[in-house]
Amino acid sequence: MKKELIHELFERFEQACYVINNVECCSARDLQELFSYSEWRNFIKVVDKAKDACKNSGERVSDHFVDVNKMVSIGSGSQRSLEDIALTRYACYLIAQNGDPLKNEIAFAQTYFAVQTRKQELIEQRLLDVERVMAREKLSKSEKKLSGIVYHRGVDERGFAILRSKGDQALFGGFSTQDMKKKLAIPDNKALADFLPTLTIKAKDFATELTSHNVLEKDLKGNAPITKEHVENNAAIRKMLEKRGVKPGELPPAEDVAKVKRRLITEGKKILKEGRKKKKN
């Protein structure tokens, strides 16, 4: 395929995209034209195959193929409504995969939407990674804050370690910190929270913040009452999560947050470097 044609097709596909509810979409009618299908009835057969592929992949068809109406001009300034489908990039990719690869437009689209879909997945994953790293850092700050508060109320370093362990036991339904580390195959020299999913990290953080608040609000002093408060807060949060179908002690481990953080830093430097190159060019 010639460079001129690739450039032309790239521009046409980029211009065909629009945004609905913060989701980038394409019109099936526009895609029909881009894919050089002269009749809607022939193109809709390809769309139906793409819907089947979407369903077979475990995705909800309604998340990627949305029936809409499109107003088209019929002359003399009047318009009429035409059935259309709003397609996500993933839907466009599936349609391209089920189209005729002998057509230049479809051959181009198969690669174009594959790259764009992958790019979106990478962005989404990066945002999830950033959220998890931030949640872990927030938990560290919350625990440091609680440690400072209880230290002046009769809880020493050993007492704080016991408080945290009993809090974990309440949150994880009877599993102690060491039990959870063993269950999730976490190295002894690593912290449990470094391998917890974002939801569990945030649950621990909320319980910790709640304990800090109540220790001051209730003017609690000494190991026993403060530890009791922390246990009750973790148990209450576990109960709330279980009501929503989430069992903190049963969730699978996540990647070591230290590795995630290093990867984000490396990727960030790479993105910055590439951005500078583009700016120069």
C-alpha atoms as a PDB file:
ATOM      1  CA  MET A   1       0.000   0.000   0.000  1.00  0.00           C
ATOM      2  CA  LYS A   2       1.456   3.369  -1.026  1.00  0.00           C
ATOM      3  CA  LYS A   3       2.367   5.984   1.557  1.00  0.00           C
ATOM      4  CA  GLU A   4       0.032   8.516  -0.029  1.00  0.00           C
ATOM      5  CA  LEU A   5      -2.926   6.148   0.323  1.00  0.00           C
ATOM      6  CA  ILE A   6      -1.992   5.271   3.905  1.00  0.00           C
ATOM      7  CA  HIS A   7      -1.830   8.974   4.794  1.00  0.00           C
ATOM      8  CA  GLU A   8      -5.184   9.633   3.090  1.00  0.00           C
ATOM      9  CA  LEU A   9      -6.882   6.711   4.852  1.00  0.00           C
ATOM     10  CA  PHE A  10      -5.392   7.719   8.207  1.00  0.00           C
ATOM     11  CA  GLU A  11      -6.825  11.228   7.874  1.00  0.00           C
ATOM     12  CA  ARG A  12     -10.237   9.891   6.833  1.00  0.00           C
ATOM     13  CA  PHE A  13     -10.437   7.457   9.741  1.00  0.00           C
ATOM     14  CA  GLU A  14      -9.312  10.092  12.244  1.00  0.00           C
ATOM     15  CA  GLN A  15     -11.987  12.515  11.011  1.00  0.00           C
ATOM     16  CA  ALA A  16     -14.680   9.841  11.236  1.00  0.00           C
ATOM     17  CA  CYS A  17     -14.392   9.618  15.033  1.00  0.00           C
ATOM     18  CA  TYR A  18     -16.515  11.639  17.461  1.00  0.00           C
ATOM     19  CA  VAL A  19     -17.196  11.538  21.205  1.00  0.00           C
ATOM     20  CA  ILE A  20     -20.376  10.376  23.005  1.00  0.00           C
ATOM     21  CA  ASN A  21     -20.406  10.462  26.830  1.00  0.00           C
ATOM     22  CA  ASN A  22     -16.592  10.686  26.893  1.00  0.00           C
ATOM     23  CA  VAL A  23     -16.285   7.581  24.679  1.00  0.00           C
ATOM     24  CA  GLU A  24     -14.707   7.871  21.234  1.00  0.00           C
ATOM     25  CA  CYS A  25     -17.026   6.413  18.594  1.00  0.00           C
ATOM     26  CA  CYS A  26     -17.529   6.058  14.873  1.00  0.00           C
ATOM     27  CA  SER A  27     -20.776   6.087  12.905  1.00  0.00           C
ATOM     28  CA  ALA A  28     -21.562   2.793  11.186  1.00  0.00           C
ATOM     29  CA  ARG A  29     -22.885   4.808   8.228  1.00  0.00           C
ATOM     30  CA  ASP A  30     -19.568   6.630   7.956  1.00  0.00           C
ATOM     31  CA  LEU A  31     -17.692   3.354   8.331  1.00  0.00           C
ATOM     32  CA  GLN A  32     -19.797   1.821   5.561  1.00  0.00           C
ATOM     33  CA  GLU A  33     -18.574   4.566   3.260  1.00  0.00           C
ATOM     34  CA  LEU A  34     -14.975   4.301   4.475  1.00  0.00           C
ATOM     35  CA  PHE A  35     -15.018   0.543   3.882  1.00  0.00           C
ATOM     36  CA  SER A  36     -16.436   1.045   0.367  1.00  0.00           C
ATOM     37  CA  TYR A  37     -19.684  -0.870   0.932  1.00  0.00           C
ATOM     38  CA  SER A  38     -22.224   0.574  -1.462  1.00  0.00           C
ATOM     39  CA  GLU A  39     -25.276  -0.886   0.294  1.00  0.00           C
ATOM     40  CA  TRP A  40     -26.202  -0.766   3.969  1.00  0.00           C
ATOM     41  CA  ARG A  41     -27.764  -4.237   3.873  1.00  0.00           C
ATOM     42  CA  ASN A  42     -24.432  -5.774   2.843  1.00  0.00           C
ATOM     43  CA  PHE A  43     -22.489  -3.816   5.430  1.00  0.00           C
ATOM     44  CA  ILE A  44     -24.910  -4.721   8.234  1.00  0.00           C
ATOM     45  CA  LYS A  45     -24.119  -8.414   7.633  1.00  0.00           C
ATOM     46  CA  VAL A  46     -20.486  -7.659   8.506  1.00  0.00           C
ATOM     47  CA  VAL A  47     -21.636  -5.704  11.567  1.00  0.00           C
ATOM     48  CA  ASP A  48     -23.704  -8.699  12.722  1.00  0.00           C
ATOM     49  CA  LYS A  49     -20.646 -10.957  12.449  1.00  0.00           C
ATOM     50  CA  ALA A  50     -18.681  -8.417  14.479  1.00  0.00           C
ATOM     51  CA  LYS A  51     -21.401  -8.445  17.152  1.00  0.00           C
ATOM     52  CA  ASP A  52     -21.112 -12.235  17.384  1.00  0.00           C
ATOM     53  CA  ALA A  53     -17.343 -11.924  17.741  1.00  0.00           C
ATOM     54  CA  CYS A  54     -17.836  -9.312  20.462  1.00  0.00           C
ATOM     55  CA  LYS A  55     -20.190 -11.601  22.378  1.00  0.00           C
ATOM     56  CA  ASN A  56     -17.847 -14.577  22.004  1.00  0.00           C
ATOM     57  CA  SER A  57     -14.982 -12.507  23.425  1.00  0.00           C
ATOM     58  CA  GLY A  58     -16.946 -12.019  26.641  1.00  0.00           C
ATOM     59  CA  GLU A  59     -17.764  -8.352  26.025  1.00  0.00           C
ATOM     60  CA  ARG A  60     -21.270  -6.904  26.229  1.00  0.00           C
ATOM     61  CA  VAL A  61     -22.444  -6.091  22.710  1.00  0.00           C
ATOM     62  CA  SER A  62     -24.480  -3.133  23.996  1.00  0.00           C
ATOM     63  CA  ASP A  63     -21.269  -1.547  25.349  1.00  0.00           C
ATOM     64  CA  HIS A  64     -19.742  -1.377  21.860  1.00  0.00           C
ATOM     65  CA  PHE A  65     -22.680  -1.275  19.409  1.00  0.00           C
ATOM     66  CA  VAL A  66     -25.321   1.339  20.236  1.00  0.00           C
ATOM     67  CA  ASP A  67     -28.340   1.871  17.971  1.00  0.00           C
ATOM     68  CA  VAL A  68     -28.859   5.552  17.167  1.00  0.00           C
ATOM     69  CA  ASN A  69     -30.580   7.680  14.532  1.00  0.00           C
ATOM     70  CA  LYS A  70     -28.744   9.918  12.105  1.00  0.00           C
ATOM     71  CA  MET A  71     -30.350  12.874  10.329  1.00  0.00           C
ATOM     72  CA  VAL A  72     -29.513  13.073   6.624  1.00  0.00           C
ATOM     73  CA  SER A  73     -30.374  15.706   4.046  1.00  0.00           C
ATOM     74  CA  ILE A  74     -32.811  14.664   1.298  1.00  0.00           C
ATOM     75  CA  GLY A  75     -32.805  17.939  -0.614  1.00  0.00           C
ATOM     76  CA  SER A  76     -34.775  21.206  -0.438  1.00  0.00           C
ATOM     77  CA  GLY A  77     -33.445  21.765   3.068  1.00  0.00           C
ATOM     78  CA  SER A  78     -35.427  18.880   4.537  1.00  0.00           C
ATOM     79  CA  GLN A  79     -34.014  15.914   6.467  1.00  0.00           C
ATOM     80  CA  ARG A  80     -35.033  12.438   7.439  1.00  0.00           C
ATOM     81  CA  SER A  81     -33.987  10.056  10.174  1.00  0.00           C
ATOM     82  CA  LEU A  82     -31.768   7.119   9.218  1.00  0.00           C
ATOM     83  CA  GLU A  83     -30.926   4.157  11.432  1.00  0.00           C
ATOM     84  CA  ASP A  84     -27.290   4.108  12.465  1.00  0.00           C
ATOM     85  CA  ILE A  85     -25.003   2.467  15.026  1.00  0.00           C
ATOM     86  CA  ALA A  86     -22.487   4.228  17.272  1.00  0.00           C
ATOM     87  CA  LEU A  87     -19.384   2.029  17.353  1.00  0.00           C
ATOM     88  CA  THR A  88     -16.506   2.010  19.817  1.00  0.00           C
ATOM     89  CA  ARG A  89     -12.988   1.550  18.477  1.00  0.00           C
ATOM     90  CA  TYR A  90     -13.179  -2.088  19.551  1.00  0.00           C
ATOM     91  CA  ALA A  91     -16.392  -2.538  17.544  1.00  0.00           C
ATOM     92  CA  CYS A  92     -14.719  -0.918  14.520  1.00  0.00           C
ATOM     93  CA  TYR A  93     -11.792  -3.295  14.919  1.00  0.00           C
ATOM     94  CA  LEU A  94     -14.126  -6.321  14.968  1.00  0.00           C
ATOM     95  CA  ILE A  95     -15.970  -5.066  11.886  1.00  0.00           C
ATOM     96  CA  ALA A  96     -12.662  -4.610  10.066  1.00  0.00           C
ATOM     97  CA  GLN A  97     -11.618  -8.145  11.067  1.00  0.00           C
ATOM     98  CA  ASN A  98     -14.813  -9.508   9.534  1.00  0.00           C
ATOM     99  CA  GLY A  99     -14.620  -7.434   6.370  1.00  0.00           C
ATOM    100  CA  ASP A 100     -13.019  -8.162   3.001  1.00  0.00           C
ATOM    101  CA  PRO A 101      -9.222  -7.818   3.479  1.00  0.00           C
ATOM    102  CA  LEU A 102      -8.760  -7.452  -0.275  1.00  0.00           C
ATOM    103  CA  LYS A 103     -10.150  -3.943   0.035  1.00  0.00           C
ATOM    104  CA  ASN A 104      -7.395  -1.442   0.793  1.00  0.00           C
ATOM    105  CA  GLU A 105      -9.631   0.401   3.252  1.00  0.00           C
ATOM    106  CA  ILE A 106     -10.308  -2.731   5.293  1.00  0.00           C
ATOM    107  CA  ALA A 107      -6.708  -3.932   5.191  1.00  0.00           C
ATOM    108  CA  PHE A 108      -5.699  -0.525   6.563  1.00  0.00           C
ATOM    109  CA  ALA A 109      -8.525  -0.515   9.143  1.00  0.00           C
ATOM    110  CA  GLN A 110      -7.534  -3.914  10.528  1.00  0.00           C
ATOM    111  CA  THR A 111      -4.181  -2.488  11.571  1.00  0.00           C
ATOM    112  CA  TYR A 112      -5.403   1.017  12.399  1.00  0.00           C
ATOM    113  CA  PHE A 113      -8.100  -0.070  14.868  1.00  0.00           C
ATOM    114  CA  ALA A 114      -5.944  -2.836  16.329  1.00  0.00           C
ATOM    115  CA  VAL A 115      -3.296  -0.226  17.204  1.00  0.00           C
ATOM    116  CA  GLN A 116      -5.861   2.291  18.465  1.00  0.00           C
ATOM    117  CA  THR A 117      -7.634  -0.320  20.612  1.00  0.00           C
ATOM    118  CA  ARG A 118      -4.315  -1.445  22.070  1.00  0.00           C
ATOM    119  CA  LYS A 119      -3.366   2.186  22.720  1.00  0.00           C
ATOM    120  CA  GLN A 120      -6.615   2.719  24.633  1.00  0.00           C
ATOM    121  CA  GLU A 121      -6.021  -0.451  26.666  1.00  0.00           C
ATOM    122  CA  LEU A 122      -2.519   0.766  27.565  1.00  0.00           C
ATOM    123  CA  ILE A 123      -3.878   4.152  28.671  1.00  0.00           C
ATOM    124  CA  GLU A 124      -6.587   2.511  30.777  1.00  0.00           C
ATOM    125  CA  GLN A 125      -4.072   0.146  32.397  1.00  0.00           C
ATOM    126  CA  ARG A 126      -1.676   3.006  33.121  1.00  0.00           C
ATOM    127  CA  LEU A 127      -4.452   4.967  34.839  1.00  0.00           C
ATOM    128  CA  LEU A 128      -5.322   1.916  36.951  1.00  0.00           C
ATOM    129  CA  ASP A 129      -1.645   1.491  37.868  1.00  0.00           C
ATOM    130  CA  VAL A 130      -1.360   5.156  38.840  1.00  0.00           C
ATOM    131  CA  GLU A 131      -4.491   4.865  40.986  1.00  0.00           C
ATOM    132  CA  ARG A 132      -3.067   1.829  42.815  1.00  0.00           C
ATOM    133  CA  VAL A 133       0.308   3.464  43.461  1.00  0.00           C
ATOM    134  CA  MET A 134      -1.420   6.599  44.772  1.00  0.00           C
ATOM    135  CA  ALA A 135      -3.696   4.493  47.006  1.00  0.00           C
ATOM    136  CA  ARG A 136      -0.671   2.690  48.458  1.00  0.00           C
ATOM    137  CA  GLU A 137       1.141   5.966  49.138  1.00  0.00           C
ATOM    138  CA  LYS A 138      -1.999   7.359  50.764  1.00  0.00           C
ATOM    139  CA  LEU A 139      -2.222   4.279  53.042  1.00  0.00           C
ATOM    140  CA  SER A 140       1.398   4.788  54.128  1.00  0.00           C
ATOM    141  CA  LYS A 141       0.634   8.402  55.037  1.00  0.00           C
ATOM    142  CA  SER A 142      -2.517   7.400  56.923  1.00  0.00           C
ATOM    143  CA  GLU A 143      -0.651   4.749  58.902  1.00  0.00           C
ATOM    144  CA  LYS A 144       2.129   7.218  59.732  1.00  0.00           C
ATOM    145  CA  LYS A 145      -0.475   9.730  60.885  1.00  0.00           C
ATOM    146  CA  LEU A 146      -2.208   7.135  63.083  1.00  0.00           C
ATOM    147  CA  SER A 147       1.141   6.027  64.519  1.00  0.00           C
ATOM    148  CA  GLY A 148       1.903   9.606  65.546  1.00  0.00           C
ATOM    149  CA  ILE A 149      -1.511  10.075  67.142  1.00  0.00           C
ATOM    150  CA  VAL A 150      -1.488   6.859  69.195  1.00  0.00           C
ATOM    151  CA  TYR A 151       2.156   7.233  70.262  1.00  0.00           C
ATOM    152  CA  HIS A 152       1.166  10.184  72.434  1.00  0.00           C
ATOM    153  CA  ARG A 153      -1.694   8.111  73.860  1.00  0.00           C
ATOM    154  CA  GLY A 154       0.293   5.222  75.253  1.00  0.00           C
ATOM    155  CA  VAL A 155       0.784   2.967  72.193  1.00  0.00           C
ATOM    156  CA  ASP A 156       4.442   2.209  71.492  1.00  0.00           C
ATOM    157  CA  GLU A 157       5.963   0.710  68.317  1.00  0.00           C
ATOM    158  CA  ARG A 158       5.230  -2.878  69.379  1.00  0.00           C
ATOM    159  CA  GLY A 159       1.681  -1.941  70.363  1.00  0.00           C
ATOM    160  CA  PHE A 160       1.130  -0.288  66.983  1.00  0.00           C
ATOM    161  CA  ALA A 161       2.343  -3.434  65.178  1.00  0.00           C
ATOM    162  CA  ILE A 162      -0.187  -5.495  67.170  1.00  0.00           C
ATOM    163  CA  LEU A 163      -2.918  -2.941  66.386  1.00  0.00           C
ATOM    164  CA  ARG A 164      -2.238  -3.193  62.654  1.00  0.00           C
ATOM    165  CA  SER A 165      -2.136  -6.992  62.750  1.00  0.00           C
ATOM    166  CA  LYS A 166      -5.446  -7.246  64.593  1.00  0.00           C
ATOM    167  CA  GLY A 167      -6.941  -4.719  62.201  1.00  0.00           C
ATOM    168  CA  ASP A 168      -5.895  -6.924  59.271  1.00  0.00           C
ATOM    169  CA  GLN A 169      -7.379  -9.956  60.992  1.00  0.00           C
ATOM    170  CA  ALA A 170     -10.722  -8.148  61.294  1.00  0.00           C
ATOM    171  CA  LEU A 171     -10.638  -6.921  57.681  1.00  0.00           C
ATOM    172  CA  PHE A 172      -9.668 -10.305  56.235  1.00  0.00           C
ATOM    173  CA  GLY A 173     -12.209 -12.326  58.207  1.00  0.00           C
ATOM    174  CA  GLY A 174      -9.877 -14.042  60.663  1.00  0.00           C
ATOM    175  CA  PHE A 175      -6.710 -14.155  58.556  1.00  0.00           C
ATOM    176  CA  SER A 176      -3.805 -12.418  60.262  1.00  0.00           C
ATOM    177  CA  THR A 177      -1.237 -10.366  58.358  1.00  0.00           C
ATOM    178  CA  GLN A 178       1.124 -13.363  58.252  1.00  0.00           C
ATOM    179  CA  ASP A 179      -1.720 -15.679  57.219  1.00  0.00           C
ATOM    180  CA  MET A 180      -2.525 -13.389  54.296  1.00  0.00           C
ATOM    181  CA  LYS A 181       1.134 -13.117  53.272  1.00  0.00           C
ATOM    182  CA  LYS A 182       1.398 -16.893  53.256  1.00  0.00           C
ATOM    183  CA  LYS A 183      -1.890 -17.266  51.388  1.00  0.00           C
ATOM    184  CA  LEU A 184      -0.827 -14.767  48.693  1.00  0.00           C
ATOM    185  CA  ALA A 185       2.765 -16.099  48.552  1.00  0.00           C
ATOM    186  CA  ILE A 186       4.253 -12.740  49.549  1.00  0.00           C
ATOM    187  CA  PRO A 187       7.965 -12.704  50.524  1.00  0.00           C
ATOM    188  CA  ASP A 188       8.645 -12.230  54.238  1.00  0.00           C
ATOM    189  CA  ASN A 189      10.590  -9.021  53.611  1.00  0.00           C
ATOM    190  CA  LYS A 190       7.707  -7.425  51.713  1.00  0.00           C
ATOM    191  CA  ALA A 191       4.658  -5.593  53.105  1.00  0.00           C
ATOM    192  CA  LEU A 192       1.223  -7.185  52.646  1.00  0.00           C
ATOM    193  CA  ALA A 193      -0.268  -3.931  51.342  1.00  0.00           C
ATOM    194  CA  ASP A 194       2.250  -3.863  48.464  1.00  0.00           C
ATOM    195  CA  PHE A 195       0.487  -6.879  46.922  1.00  0.00           C
ATOM    196  CA  LEU A 196      -3.130  -6.013  47.649  1.00  0.00           C
ATOM    197  CA  PRO A 197      -5.548  -4.852  44.925  1.00  0.00           C
ATOM    198  CA  THR A 198      -6.548  -1.186  44.909  1.00  0.00           C
ATOM    199  CA  LEU A 199      -9.933  -1.825  46.522  1.00  0.00           C
ATOM    200  CA  THR A 200      -8.384  -3.562  49.539  1.00  0.00           C
ATOM    201  CA  ILE A 201      -5.692  -0.901  49.912  1.00  0.00           C
ATOM    202  CA  LYS A 202      -8.411   1.761  49.992  1.00  0.00           C
ATOM    203  CA  ALA A 203     -10.402  -0.295  52.517  1.00  0.00           C
ATOM    204  CA  LYS A 204      -7.356  -0.456  54.818  1.00  0.00           C
ATOM    205  CA  ASP A 205      -6.786   3.271  54.335  1.00  0.00           C
ATOM    206  CA  PHE A 206     -10.392   4.127  55.199  1.00  0.00           C
ATOM    207  CA  ALA A 207     -10.259   2.001  58.361  1.00  0.00           C
ATOM    208  CA  THR A 208      -6.979   3.676  59.377  1.00  0.00           C
ATOM    209  CA  GLU A 209      -8.342   7.187  58.787  1.00  0.00           C
ATOM    210  CA  LEU A 210     -11.484   6.292  60.728  1.00  0.00           C
ATOM    211  CA  THR A 211      -9.407   5.090  63.660  1.00  0.00           C
ATOM    212  CA  SER A 212      -7.359   8.302  63.668  1.00  0.00           C
ATOM    213  CA  HIS A 213     -10.552  10.341  63.691  1.00  0.00           C
ATOM    214  CA  ASN A 214     -12.253   8.353  66.448  1.00  0.00           C
ATOM    215  CA  VAL A 215      -9.178   8.164  68.688  1.00  0.00           C
ATOM    216  CA  LEU A 216      -9.197  11.961  68.803  1.00  0.00           C
ATOM    217  CA  GLU A 217     -12.978  12.344  68.816  1.00  0.00           C
ATOM    218  CA  LYS A 218     -13.485   9.839  71.648  1.00  0.00           C
ATOM    219  CA  ASP A 219     -10.248  10.804  73.403  1.00  0.00           C
ATOM    220  CA  LEU A 220      -9.093   7.182  73.534  1.00  0.00           C
ATOM    221  CA  LYS A 221      -5.906   6.264  75.390  1.00  0.00           C
ATOM    222  CA  GLY A 222      -3.933   3.046  75.859  1.00  0.00           C
ATOM    223  CA  ASN A 223      -3.408  -0.115  73.804  1.00  0.00           C
ATOM    224  CA  ALA A 224      -6.677  -1.900  74.567  1.00  0.00           C
ATOM    225  CA  PRO A 225      -9.282   0.785  73.706  1.00  0.00           C
ATOM    226  CA  ILE A 226      -7.395   2.057  70.656  1.00  0.00           C
ATOM    227  CA  THR A 227      -6.809  -1.461  69.279  1.00  0.00           C
ATOM    228  CA  LYS A 228     -10.497  -2.278  69.922  1.00  0.00           C
ATOM    229  CA  GLU A 229     -11.496   0.809  67.940  1.00  0.00           C
ATOM    230  CA  HIS A 230      -9.268  -0.169  65.013  1.00  0.00           C
ATOM    231  CA  VAL A 231     -10.572  -3.741  64.986  1.00  0.00           C
ATOM    232  CA  GLU A 232     -14.192  -2.535  65.003  1.00  0.00           C
ATOM    233  CA  ASN A 233     -13.537  -0.150  62.113  1.00  0.00           C
ATOM    234  CA  ASN A 234     -11.921  -2.874  59.995  1.00  0.00           C
ATOM    235  CA  ALA A 235     -14.707  -5.326  60.832  1.00  0.00           C
ATOM    236  CA  ALA A 236     -17.347  -2.749  59.854  1.00  0.00           C
ATOM    237  CA  ILE A 237     -15.660  -2.133  56.514  1.00  0.00           C
ATOM    238  CA  ARG A 238     -15.331  -5.871  55.869  1.00  0.00           C
ATOM    239  CA  LYS A 239     -19.045  -6.274  56.614  1.00  0.00           C
ATOM    240  CA  MET A 240     -19.933  -3.475  54.190  1.00  0.00           C
ATOM    241  CA  LEU A 241     -17.771  -4.996  51.439  1.00  0.00           C
ATOM    242  CA  GLU A 242     -19.248  -8.468  51.975  1.00  0.00           C
ATOM    243  CA  LYS A 243     -22.754  -7.013  51.611  1.00  0.00           C
ATOM    244  CA  ARG A 244     -21.636  -5.827  48.165  1.00  0.00           C
ATOM    245  CA  GLY A 245     -20.297  -9.281  47.301  1.00  0.00           C
ATOM    246  CA  VAL A 246     -16.614  -8.537  47.995  1.00  0.00           C
ATOM    247  CA  LYS A 247     -14.610 -10.721  50.371  1.00  0.00           C
ATOM    248  CA  PRO A 248     -11.290  -8.946  51.090  1.00  0.00           C
ATOM    249  CA  GLY A 249      -9.604 -12.151  52.251  1.00  0.00           C
ATOM    250  CA  GLU A 250     -10.465 -13.956  49.013  1.00  0.00           C
ATOM    251  CA  LEU A 251      -9.272 -11.417  46.456  1.00  0.00           C
ATOM    252  CA  PRO A 252      -6.215 -12.501  44.416  1.00  0.00           C
ATOM    253  CA  PRO A 253      -2.865 -10.740  44.876  1.00  0.00           C
ATOM    254  CA  ALA A 254      -1.802  -7.893  42.614  1.00  0.00           C
ATOM    255  CA  GLU A 255       1.620  -7.097  41.176  1.00  0.00           C
ATOM    256  CA  ASP A 256       4.183  -5.747  43.639  1.00  0.00           C
ATOM    257  CA  VAL A 257       3.356  -2.042  43.820  1.00  0.00           C
ATOM    258  CA  ALA A 258       7.096  -1.218  43.885  1.00  0.00           C
ATOM    259  CA  LYS A 259       7.461  -2.806  40.428  1.00  0.00           C
ATOM    260  CA  VAL A 260       4.390  -0.959  39.188  1.00  0.00           C
ATOM    261  CA  LYS A 261       5.835   2.335  40.408  1.00  0.00           C
ATOM    262  CA  ARG A 262       9.194   1.690  38.707  1.00  0.00           C
ATOM    263  CA  ARG A 263       7.410   0.799  35.461  1.00  0.00           C
ATOM    264  CA  LEU A 264       5.344   3.989  35.585  1.00  0.00           C
ATOM    265  CA  ILE A 265       8.481   6.085  36.070  1.00  0.00           C
ATOM    266  CA  THR A 266      10.262   4.349  33.169  1.00  0.00           C
ATOM    267  CA  GLU A 267       7.236   4.689  30.889  1.00  0.00           C
ATOM    268  CA  GLY A 268       6.827   8.330  31.904  1.00  0.00           C
ATOM    269  CA  LYS A 269      10.423   9.120  30.910  1.00  0.00           C
ATOM    270  CA  LYS A 270       9.911   7.309  27.594  1.00  0.00           C
ATOM    271  CA  ILE A 271       6.697   9.226  26.848  1.00  0.00           C
ATOM    272  CA  LEU A 272       8.414  12.520  27.716  1.00  0.00           C
ATOM    273  CA  LYS A 273      11.369  11.660  25.472  1.00  0.00           C
ATOM    274  CA  GLU A 274       9.100  10.746  22.552  1.00  0.00           C
ATOM    275  CA  GLY A 275       7.113  13.957  23.073  1.00  0.00           C
ATOM    276  CA  ARG A 276      10.282  16.030  22.844  1.00  0.00           C
ATOM    277  CA  LYS A 277      11.296  14.259  19.631  1.00  0.00           C
ATOM    278  CA  LYS A 278       7.917  14.982  18.036  1.00  0.00           C
ATOM    279  CA  LYS A 279       8.154  18.603  19.121  1.00  0.00           C
ATOM    280  CA  LYS A 280      11.570  18.959  17.446  1.00  0.00           C
ATOM    281  CA  ASN A 281      10.282  17.359  14.247  1.00  0.00           C
END
